[in-house]
Amino acid sequence: MNFTKLKGWVSNQIAVNNRLRAVCIWYLIFLMISVRKHSLTAAASFSGLQTSQFSRLLKNHPNVAVYQLDQLSKKQARQFSSAIKFLSAGRLPWQVAILIDSTIQHRFSLHSDNVKRFNHGKGFQIGHQWTNIVLLINDKLIPLAPIPFYSKSYCRKHRIQYKTENTLVVEYINNLNLFDYIGEHRPEHVVVLADSGYDDRKIENAIRNKKWHFIIALNKGRSVKSQNSFLCTPKSKGWSKVAQFFKDHRKVGWQTIRILVNRSKKKRMEFRTRLIKGYLRYVGCVLLICSEFKKRPRGRKKYLACSDLKATARQIVIGYRMRWAIEIFHKEIKMFLGFEDVATKWFDSVIAHVHWVYCAYILLNKGPFDSHVRAIAEKQRRISKIVSTREKSRVLQMLTQIDGAQRYKKELQQVIANI
């Protein structure tokens, strides 16, 4: 593939009016190549356009980026769902996984629009918070439109009703129509995976109202009750914290689970788990799991709740481990696609940049490359190799046009004269 064909392929993937098409194509290709920093200045140098053109694209047309991501994610999801399979090579009873997790987009100043200090991970971090919702179909990850978090000061300034992250996630789940992405499907074949940050009864009940299943890590203080206790005691009594609950049920034996790492027969991970059928307060009947590494029994225990009562402990542990795919997604967009390489002041420009980054991620995984190539870095190297031939493609295109040889001769003479 040469550079002209690459531009044509990217142009066919997006639906943008002619006035913005050229700058959108250049920006997407720029995000898809490997550079030191994906800044607007570097994009202008790469494309030969003015920096102001990319600045105006981000600031004045964020809705274009939002629309493109929505269309690309639906198109790719329909492509994968045409031959949909059960997750993890058929080892799990679910076909589609919805992964939820948040990440911080770092900024260096508190003076930018909608910047806030977040207690995220180790210590406080300055930046924007994005809650990402991604689909996992046939073990392929498809990012959907992310949820931006608006600070209280930004909401007051723009007269927006302030909402917490969990409230925004509940609204997103209620409005998410999977039929637009995968067509006809059975709701019980959909599972939502999330960490303990989303252990919220409103989120869990929203998932159950959709008739989907969930596997969510529980906070140690979450109230649970055994099945026998639920039947014998009043609803307001008999609840205990999940950590204490498993201490009180030490008679339930441990079950050893061996899981292959990267489908390699040589490398395995061993867990030991306890599974108890019980009740999650304000939610209902679930399977409760206590899991830990077998070789590190004094390490941190993980408490999980699964709403699919037919699932086994092995399936629940394997399913929850698939949540790690969204962590890899965060790493890749930050390392390779310039997710944090934004220096604009206005948050509308940040929104547009983030959505274009997700579009570039989809195109890299969908592009006309070798299907065996899975690493983002390798795909970017192939794109860069194609881009390096753009001058040759331009000359060949010029020579095929009327009076192309004479025009190219004049161009060479002009270059020699300038030297």
Protein backbone atom coordinates (compact mmCIF):
# COMPACT_ATOMS: atom_id res chain seq x y z
CA MET A 1 0.00 0.00 0.00
CA ASN A 2 1.26 3.49 -0.85
CA PHE A 3 0.44 6.79 0.83
CA THR A 4 -2.26 7.76 -1.68
CA LYS A 5 -4.16 4.54 -1.03
CA LEU A 6 -3.78 5.04 2.74
CA LYS A 7 -5.32 8.52 2.51
CA GLY A 8 -8.12 7.13 0.37
CA TRP A 9 -8.81 4.35 2.84
CA VAL A 10 -8.96 6.76 5.81
CA SER A 11 -11.21 9.08 3.79
CA ASN A 12 -13.63 6.22 3.13
CA GLN A 13 -13.86 5.40 6.85
CA ILE A 14 -15.09 8.82 7.98
CA ALA A 15 -18.10 10.91 7.02
CA VAL A 16 -17.00 14.55 7.07
CA ASN A 17 -17.98 17.44 4.81
CA ASN A 18 -15.50 18.52 2.17
CA ARG A 19 -14.50 21.66 4.06
CA LEU A 20 -13.11 19.68 6.99
CA ARG A 21 -12.20 16.42 5.26
CA ALA A 22 -8.57 17.22 4.45
CA VAL A 23 -7.62 18.41 7.94
CA CYS A 24 -9.46 15.48 9.57
CA ILE A 25 -7.64 12.93 7.39
CA TRP A 26 -4.26 14.49 8.12
CA TYR A 27 -4.95 14.60 11.86
CA LEU A 28 -6.03 10.95 11.98
CA ILE A 29 -2.98 9.78 10.00
CA PHE A 30 -0.74 11.88 12.22
CA LEU A 31 -2.18 10.23 15.35
CA MET A 32 -1.63 6.81 13.78
CA ILE A 33 2.11 7.25 13.25
CA SER A 34 4.88 7.07 15.82
CA VAL A 35 6.27 10.47 16.82
CA ARG A 36 7.86 11.86 19.95
CA LYS A 37 4.84 14.03 20.77
CA HIS A 38 1.45 14.32 19.07
CA SER A 39 1.20 18.10 19.36
CA LEU A 40 -0.57 20.47 16.96
CA THR A 41 2.79 21.95 15.93
CA ALA A 42 4.06 18.50 15.03
CA ALA A 43 0.84 17.79 13.14
CA ALA A 44 1.30 20.99 11.10
CA SER A 45 4.91 20.10 10.32
CA PHE A 46 3.89 16.58 9.29
CA SER A 47 1.02 17.62 7.02
CA GLY A 48 2.21 20.95 5.65
CA LEU A 49 -0.97 22.65 6.89
CA GLN A 50 -1.18 25.54 9.32
CA THR A 51 -1.30 24.91 13.07
CA SER A 52 -4.38 27.14 13.27
CA GLN A 53 -6.30 24.73 11.04
CA PHE A 54 -5.93 21.91 13.56
CA SER A 55 -6.62 24.29 16.44
CA ARG A 56 -9.88 25.43 14.84
CA LEU A 57 -10.85 21.83 14.10
CA LEU A 58 -10.56 20.87 17.76
CA LYS A 59 -12.08 24.01 19.27
CA ASN A 60 -14.95 24.68 16.87
CA HIS A 61 -15.95 21.16 15.81
CA PRO A 62 -15.90 18.77 18.81
CA ASN A 63 -19.23 17.30 17.66
CA VAL A 64 -17.59 16.06 14.47
CA ALA A 65 -15.13 13.96 16.48
CA VAL A 66 -17.91 12.64 18.74
CA TYR A 67 -20.00 11.62 15.73
CA GLN A 68 -17.07 9.93 13.98
CA LEU A 69 -16.23 7.83 17.05
CA ASP A 70 -19.86 6.78 17.43
CA GLN A 71 -20.05 5.67 13.79
CA LEU A 72 -16.68 3.90 13.76
CA SER A 73 -17.38 1.97 16.97
CA LYS A 74 -20.78 0.82 15.68
CA LYS A 75 -19.31 -0.17 12.32
CA GLN A 76 -16.51 -2.22 13.91
CA ALA A 77 -18.87 -3.83 16.44
CA ARG A 78 -21.23 -4.93 13.66
CA GLN A 79 -18.28 -6.39 11.77
CA PHE A 80 -17.18 -8.50 14.75
CA SER A 81 -20.72 -9.46 15.78
CA SER A 82 -21.45 -10.99 12.36
CA ALA A 83 -19.55 -14.08 13.57
CA ILE A 84 -19.80 -13.57 17.33
CA LYS A 85 -18.26 -16.20 19.61
CA PHE A 86 -18.24 -16.83 23.34
CA LEU A 87 -15.54 -14.97 25.23
CA SER A 88 -12.11 -16.41 26.00
CA ALA A 89 -12.25 -18.98 23.17
CA GLY A 90 -15.54 -20.41 24.41
CA ARG A 91 -14.48 -20.92 28.02
CA LEU A 92 -17.03 -18.35 29.28
CA PRO A 93 -20.85 -18.35 29.00
CA TRP A 94 -20.95 -14.73 27.77
CA GLN A 95 -20.48 -13.34 24.27
CA VAL A 96 -20.08 -9.61 24.93
CA ALA A 97 -18.24 -7.93 27.81
CA ILE A 98 -18.70 -4.27 28.74
CA LEU A 99 -15.65 -2.95 30.60
CA ILE A 100 -15.83 0.17 32.77
CA ASP A 101 -12.84 2.04 34.18
CA SER A 102 -11.58 5.60 34.55
CA THR A 103 -8.25 7.21 33.75
CA ILE A 104 -6.64 10.59 34.37
CA GLN A 105 -5.50 12.77 31.48
CA HIS A 106 -2.60 14.64 33.05
CA ARG A 107 -2.25 18.40 32.72
CA PHE A 108 0.53 20.58 34.07
CA SER A 109 -1.55 23.54 35.22
CA LEU A 110 -4.73 24.14 37.19
CA HIS A 111 -5.52 27.17 35.00
CA SER A 112 -6.78 25.09 32.07
CA ASP A 113 -10.50 24.61 31.60
CA ASN A 114 -12.16 21.90 33.75
CA VAL A 115 -8.89 20.81 35.40
CA LYS A 116 -9.13 19.34 38.87
CA ARG A 117 -6.99 17.55 41.44
CA PHE A 118 -7.93 13.88 41.74
CA ASN A 119 -6.92 11.39 44.41
CA HIS A 120 -6.20 8.73 41.80
CA GLY A 121 -3.74 5.95 42.60
CA LYS A 122 -0.71 7.14 44.55
CA GLY A 123 -1.32 10.70 45.69
CA PHE A 124 -3.08 13.57 43.97
CA GLN A 125 -2.93 14.08 40.21
CA ILE A 126 -3.88 17.15 38.15
CA GLY A 127 -5.88 16.75 34.99
CA HIS A 128 -9.17 15.60 33.46
CA GLN A 129 -10.93 12.39 34.42
CA TRP A 130 -12.43 10.20 31.71
CA THR A 131 -14.62 7.18 32.39
CA ASN A 132 -14.14 4.75 29.52
CA ILE A 133 -16.76 2.25 28.39
CA VAL A 134 -15.43 -0.38 25.98
CA LEU A 135 -16.88 -3.48 24.34
CA LEU A 136 -15.06 -6.79 24.18
CA ILE A 137 -16.30 -8.91 21.26
CA ASN A 138 -14.38 -11.95 20.01
CA ASP A 139 -11.58 -10.80 22.35
CA LYS A 140 -11.37 -7.53 20.36
CA LEU A 141 -11.66 -4.22 22.19
CA ILE A 142 -13.89 -1.47 20.81
CA PRO A 143 -13.95 1.90 22.63
CA LEU A 144 -17.28 3.66 22.90
CA ALA A 145 -17.83 7.36 23.59
CA PRO A 146 -16.11 8.14 26.93
CA ILE A 147 -17.75 9.99 29.81
CA PRO A 148 -16.05 13.30 30.70
CA PHE A 149 -16.12 14.36 34.34
CA TYR A 150 -17.10 18.00 34.90
CA SER A 151 -15.85 19.76 38.00
CA LYS A 152 -18.23 21.82 40.17
CA SER A 153 -16.64 25.10 39.10
CA TYR A 154 -16.97 24.16 35.40
CA CYS A 155 -20.63 23.25 35.95
CA ARG A 156 -21.32 26.58 37.65
CA LYS A 157 -19.60 28.48 34.86
CA HIS A 158 -21.47 26.72 32.07
CA ARG A 159 -24.75 26.22 33.98
CA ILE A 160 -24.53 22.44 33.90
CA GLN A 161 -26.03 20.25 36.60
CA TYR A 162 -23.21 18.66 38.58
CA LYS A 163 -23.26 14.84 38.68
CA THR A 164 -20.96 12.32 40.28
CA GLU A 165 -19.09 9.77 38.21
CA ASN A 166 -21.31 6.89 39.34
CA THR A 167 -24.45 8.86 38.45
CA LEU A 168 -23.06 9.44 34.96
CA VAL A 169 -22.27 5.73 34.62
CA VAL A 170 -25.85 4.80 35.60
CA GLU A 171 -27.24 7.18 32.97
CA TYR A 172 -24.83 5.80 30.36
CA ILE A 173 -25.92 2.21 31.08
CA ASN A 174 -29.60 3.15 30.91
CA ASN A 175 -29.13 4.89 27.54
CA LEU A 176 -26.78 2.32 25.99
CA ASN A 177 -28.59 0.42 23.23
CA LEU A 178 -26.49 -2.62 22.28
CA PHE A 179 -28.76 -3.36 19.33
CA ASP A 180 -27.07 -0.49 17.46
CA TYR A 181 -23.72 -2.24 17.92
CA ILE A 182 -24.32 -5.99 17.70
CA GLY A 183 -27.90 -6.32 16.45
CA GLU A 184 -30.20 -8.97 17.90
CA HIS A 185 -28.73 -10.63 20.99
CA ARG A 186 -29.69 -12.34 24.21
CA PRO A 187 -29.25 -10.05 27.25
CA GLU A 188 -27.97 -12.92 29.40
CA HIS A 189 -24.97 -13.20 27.06
CA VAL A 190 -23.77 -9.73 28.10
CA VAL A 191 -21.57 -9.25 31.17
CA VAL A 192 -20.32 -6.00 32.73
CA LEU A 193 -16.85 -6.05 34.34
CA ALA A 194 -15.74 -3.35 36.78
CA ASP A 195 -13.45 -2.87 39.76
CA SER A 196 -14.42 -1.88 43.29
CA GLY A 197 -14.67 1.80 42.36
CA TYR A 198 -18.03 0.97 40.73
CA ASP A 199 -19.37 -1.17 43.57
CA ASP A 200 -22.53 0.89 43.74
CA ARG A 201 -26.03 -0.52 44.16
CA LYS A 202 -27.43 1.95 41.60
CA ILE A 203 -24.95 0.75 38.97
CA GLU A 204 -25.58 -2.91 39.81
CA ASN A 205 -29.36 -2.47 39.71
CA ALA A 206 -29.11 -0.58 36.40
CA ILE A 207 -27.25 -3.57 34.96
CA ARG A 208 -29.84 -6.00 36.30
CA ASN A 209 -32.66 -3.88 34.86
CA LYS A 210 -31.03 -4.36 31.46
CA LYS A 211 -31.10 -8.13 32.17
CA TRP A 212 -27.33 -8.22 31.76
CA HIS A 213 -24.96 -9.92 34.19
CA PHE A 214 -22.12 -8.31 36.11
CA ILE A 215 -18.86 -9.31 37.75
CA ILE A 216 -17.82 -6.49 40.08
CA ALA A 217 -15.13 -6.34 42.74
CA LEU A 218 -16.61 -5.51 46.13
CA ASN A 219 -15.36 -3.12 48.74
CA LYS A 220 -14.39 -4.81 51.99
CA GLY A 221 -17.16 -2.97 53.78
CA ARG A 222 -19.96 -4.00 51.42
CA SER A 223 -22.88 -5.64 53.25
CA VAL A 224 -23.73 -9.22 52.31
CA LYS A 225 -25.73 -12.06 53.78
CA SER A 226 -25.75 -15.82 53.27
CA GLN A 227 -28.74 -17.53 51.71
CA ASN A 228 -29.76 -19.26 54.95
CA SER A 229 -29.45 -16.06 56.95
CA PHE A 230 -31.52 -14.18 54.37
CA LEU A 231 -34.38 -16.65 54.79
CA CYS A 232 -34.22 -16.80 58.61
CA THR A 233 -33.63 -13.19 59.64
CA PRO A 234 -35.44 -9.88 59.01
CA LYS A 235 -34.29 -7.95 55.96
CA SER A 236 -32.78 -5.18 58.06
CA LYS A 237 -30.69 -7.52 60.24
CA GLY A 238 -28.02 -10.15 59.81
CA TRP A 239 -25.89 -8.23 57.31
CA SER A 240 -22.11 -8.34 57.64
CA LYS A 241 -19.17 -6.85 55.80
CA VAL A 242 -17.93 -9.08 53.01
CA ALA A 243 -14.44 -9.46 54.54
CA GLN A 244 -15.93 -10.56 57.85
CA PHE A 245 -18.48 -12.70 56.00
CA PHE A 246 -15.80 -14.95 54.52
CA LYS A 247 -14.02 -15.16 57.87
CA ASP A 248 -17.26 -16.42 59.41
CA HIS A 249 -17.59 -19.03 56.65
CA ARG A 250 -14.14 -20.57 56.89
CA LYS A 251 -15.70 -24.03 56.76
CA VAL A 252 -16.27 -23.53 53.04
CA GLY A 253 -13.26 -25.19 51.43
CA TRP A 254 -10.80 -23.56 49.07
CA GLN A 255 -10.88 -24.48 45.40
CA THR A 256 -7.69 -24.27 43.35
CA ILE A 257 -7.99 -22.71 39.90
CA ARG A 258 -5.18 -22.82 37.31
CA ILE A 259 -5.37 -20.30 34.48
CA LEU A 260 -3.14 -20.18 31.42
CA VAL A 261 -1.31 -16.91 30.83
CA ASN A 262 -1.48 -15.73 27.20
CA ARG A 263 -2.70 -19.21 26.26
CA SER A 264 0.72 -20.63 26.97
CA LYS A 265 0.80 -24.15 28.38
CA LYS A 266 4.06 -23.47 30.20
CA LYS A 267 3.00 -20.37 32.13
CA ARG A 268 0.11 -20.63 34.55
CA MET A 269 -1.41 -18.65 37.40
CA GLU A 270 -2.84 -20.42 40.40
CA PHE A 271 -5.64 -18.99 42.51
CA ARG A 272 -7.58 -20.40 45.41
CA THR A 273 -11.19 -19.36 45.76
CA ARG A 274 -14.22 -19.72 47.98
CA LEU A 275 -17.66 -19.51 46.39
CA ILE A 276 -20.82 -18.88 48.41
CA LYS A 277 -24.30 -18.16 47.15
CA GLY A 278 -25.60 -15.17 49.04
CA TYR A 279 -27.29 -11.79 48.88
CA LEU A 280 -25.86 -8.37 48.13
CA ARG A 281 -27.64 -5.67 50.09
CA TYR A 282 -30.13 -3.62 48.03
CA VAL A 283 -29.30 -5.71 44.93
CA GLY A 284 -30.34 -9.34 45.34
CA CYS A 285 -29.06 -12.89 45.04
CA VAL A 286 -25.51 -13.23 43.69
CA LEU A 287 -22.51 -15.53 43.79
CA LEU A 288 -19.86 -14.26 46.21
CA ILE A 289 -16.21 -15.09 45.55
CA CYS A 290 -13.14 -14.70 47.73
CA SER A 291 -10.02 -15.07 45.58
CA GLU A 292 -6.29 -14.83 46.20
CA PHE A 293 -3.02 -16.05 44.71
CA LYS A 294 -2.30 -19.56 45.97
CA LYS A 295 1.43 -18.98 46.34
CA ARG A 296 0.83 -15.73 48.22
CA PRO A 297 -1.94 -16.63 50.68
CA ARG A 298 -1.16 -13.64 52.91
CA GLY A 299 -1.50 -11.22 50.01
CA ARG A 300 -4.48 -9.07 49.19
CA LYS A 301 -7.79 -10.89 48.86
CA LYS A 302 -10.20 -9.95 46.11
CA TYR A 303 -13.94 -10.13 46.76
CA LEU A 304 -16.15 -10.51 43.70
CA ALA A 305 -19.89 -10.58 43.10
CA CYS A 306 -21.41 -12.24 40.04
CA SER A 307 -25.09 -11.98 39.17
CA ASP A 308 -25.00 -15.05 36.88
CA LEU A 309 -25.99 -17.83 39.29
CA LYS A 310 -25.06 -20.54 36.76
CA ALA A 311 -21.41 -19.45 36.49
CA THR A 312 -18.61 -21.42 38.11
CA ALA A 313 -15.80 -19.99 40.25
CA ARG A 314 -13.35 -20.59 37.41
CA GLN A 315 -15.51 -18.72 34.90
CA ILE A 316 -15.94 -15.79 37.28
CA VAL A 317 -12.20 -15.46 37.92
CA ILE A 318 -11.34 -15.75 34.21
CA GLY A 319 -14.07 -13.24 33.38
CA TYR A 320 -12.86 -10.69 35.90
CA ARG A 321 -9.26 -11.04 34.64
CA MET A 322 -10.49 -9.94 31.20
CA ARG A 323 -11.07 -6.52 32.75
CA TRP A 324 -7.32 -6.01 32.43
CA ALA A 325 -7.87 -5.33 28.71
CA ILE A 326 -9.11 -1.82 29.50
CA GLU A 327 -5.92 -1.12 31.50
CA ILE A 328 -3.88 -2.11 28.44
CA PHE A 329 -6.11 0.17 26.35
CA HIS A 330 -5.29 3.10 28.67
CA LYS A 331 -1.59 2.33 28.41
CA GLU A 332 -1.62 2.14 24.61
CA ILE A 333 -3.52 5.38 23.98
CA LYS A 334 -1.18 7.24 26.35
CA MET A 335 2.08 5.74 25.07
CA PHE A 336 1.41 5.55 21.33
CA LEU A 337 -1.55 7.75 20.33
CA GLY A 338 -0.92 10.99 22.20
CA PHE A 339 -3.88 10.83 24.58
CA GLU A 340 -2.11 13.23 26.98
CA ASP A 341 -0.32 15.32 24.33
CA VAL A 342 -2.82 18.15 24.50
CA ALA A 343 -1.87 21.70 25.49
CA THR A 344 -5.09 23.53 24.70
CA LYS A 345 -6.87 25.65 27.29
CA TRP A 346 -10.49 24.99 26.34
CA PHE A 347 -12.12 21.71 27.35
CA ASP A 348 -14.07 21.47 24.07
CA SER A 349 -10.73 21.05 22.30
CA VAL A 350 -9.73 18.36 24.78
CA ILE A 351 -12.99 16.50 24.11
CA ALA A 352 -12.37 16.60 20.36
CA HIS A 353 -8.75 15.44 20.75
CA VAL A 354 -9.73 12.48 22.94
CA HIS A 355 -12.42 11.33 20.51
CA TRP A 356 -10.02 11.60 17.54
CA VAL A 357 -7.48 9.51 19.51
CA TYR A 358 -10.10 6.79 20.00
CA CYS A 359 -10.96 6.97 16.29
CA ALA A 360 -7.27 6.46 15.46
CA TYR A 361 -7.19 3.46 17.81
CA ILE A 362 -10.15 1.86 15.99
CA LEU A 363 -8.63 2.53 12.57
CA LEU A 364 -5.29 1.03 13.62
CA ASN A 365 -7.06 -2.17 14.70
CA LYS A 366 -9.27 -2.16 11.63
CA GLY A 367 -6.81 -1.03 8.99
CA PRO A 368 -5.52 -2.92 5.94
CA PHE A 369 -2.68 -4.58 7.84
CA ASP A 370 -1.62 -8.13 8.43
CA SER A 371 -4.24 -9.67 10.71
CA HIS A 372 -1.50 -11.40 12.70
CA VAL A 373 -0.03 -8.06 13.78
CA ARG A 374 -1.59 -7.18 17.15
CA ALA A 375 0.90 -4.77 18.69
CA ILE A 376 0.04 -1.08 18.28
CA ALA A 377 3.74 -0.18 18.00
CA GLU A 378 4.24 -2.54 15.06
CA LYS A 379 1.17 -1.18 13.28
CA GLN A 380 2.45 2.35 13.76
CA ARG A 381 5.81 1.37 12.26
CA ARG A 382 4.03 0.04 9.19
CA ILE A 383 2.03 3.26 8.87
CA SER A 384 5.23 5.31 9.22
CA LYS A 385 6.84 3.21 6.48
CA ILE A 386 3.89 3.94 4.19
CA VAL A 387 4.00 7.65 5.04
CA SER A 388 7.71 7.77 4.19
CA THR A 389 6.82 6.98 0.56
CA ARG A 390 4.38 9.91 0.20
CA GLU A 391 6.83 12.05 -1.82
CA LYS A 392 7.35 9.18 -4.24
CA SER A 393 3.56 8.71 -4.50
CA ARG A 394 3.09 12.44 -5.17
CA VAL A 395 5.67 12.43 -7.98
CA LEU A 396 4.18 9.33 -9.58
CA GLN A 397 0.72 10.88 -9.42
CA MET A 398 2.01 14.09 -10.99
CA LEU A 399 3.75 12.24 -13.84
CA THR A 400 0.51 10.46 -14.78
CA GLN A 401 -1.33 13.78 -15.22
CA ILE A 402 -1.44 15.96 -18.32
CA ASP A 403 1.86 17.87 -18.72
CA GLY A 404 3.00 16.15 -15.54
CA ALA A 405 6.57 15.70 -16.77
CA GLN A 406 6.93 19.40 -17.61
CA ARG A 407 5.47 20.46 -14.26
CA TYR A 408 7.83 18.15 -12.39
CA LYS A 409 10.77 19.48 -14.43
CA LYS A 410 9.86 23.07 -13.46
CA GLU A 411 9.58 22.03 -9.82
CA LEU A 412 13.08 20.54 -9.90
CA GLN A 413 14.47 23.65 -11.57
CA GLN A 414 12.87 25.82 -8.87
CA VAL A 415 14.43 23.70 -6.14
CA ILE A 416 17.88 23.93 -7.79
CA ALA A 417 17.49 27.69 -8.14
CA ASN A 418 16.64 28.05 -4.46
CA ILE A 419 19.72 26.08 -3.50
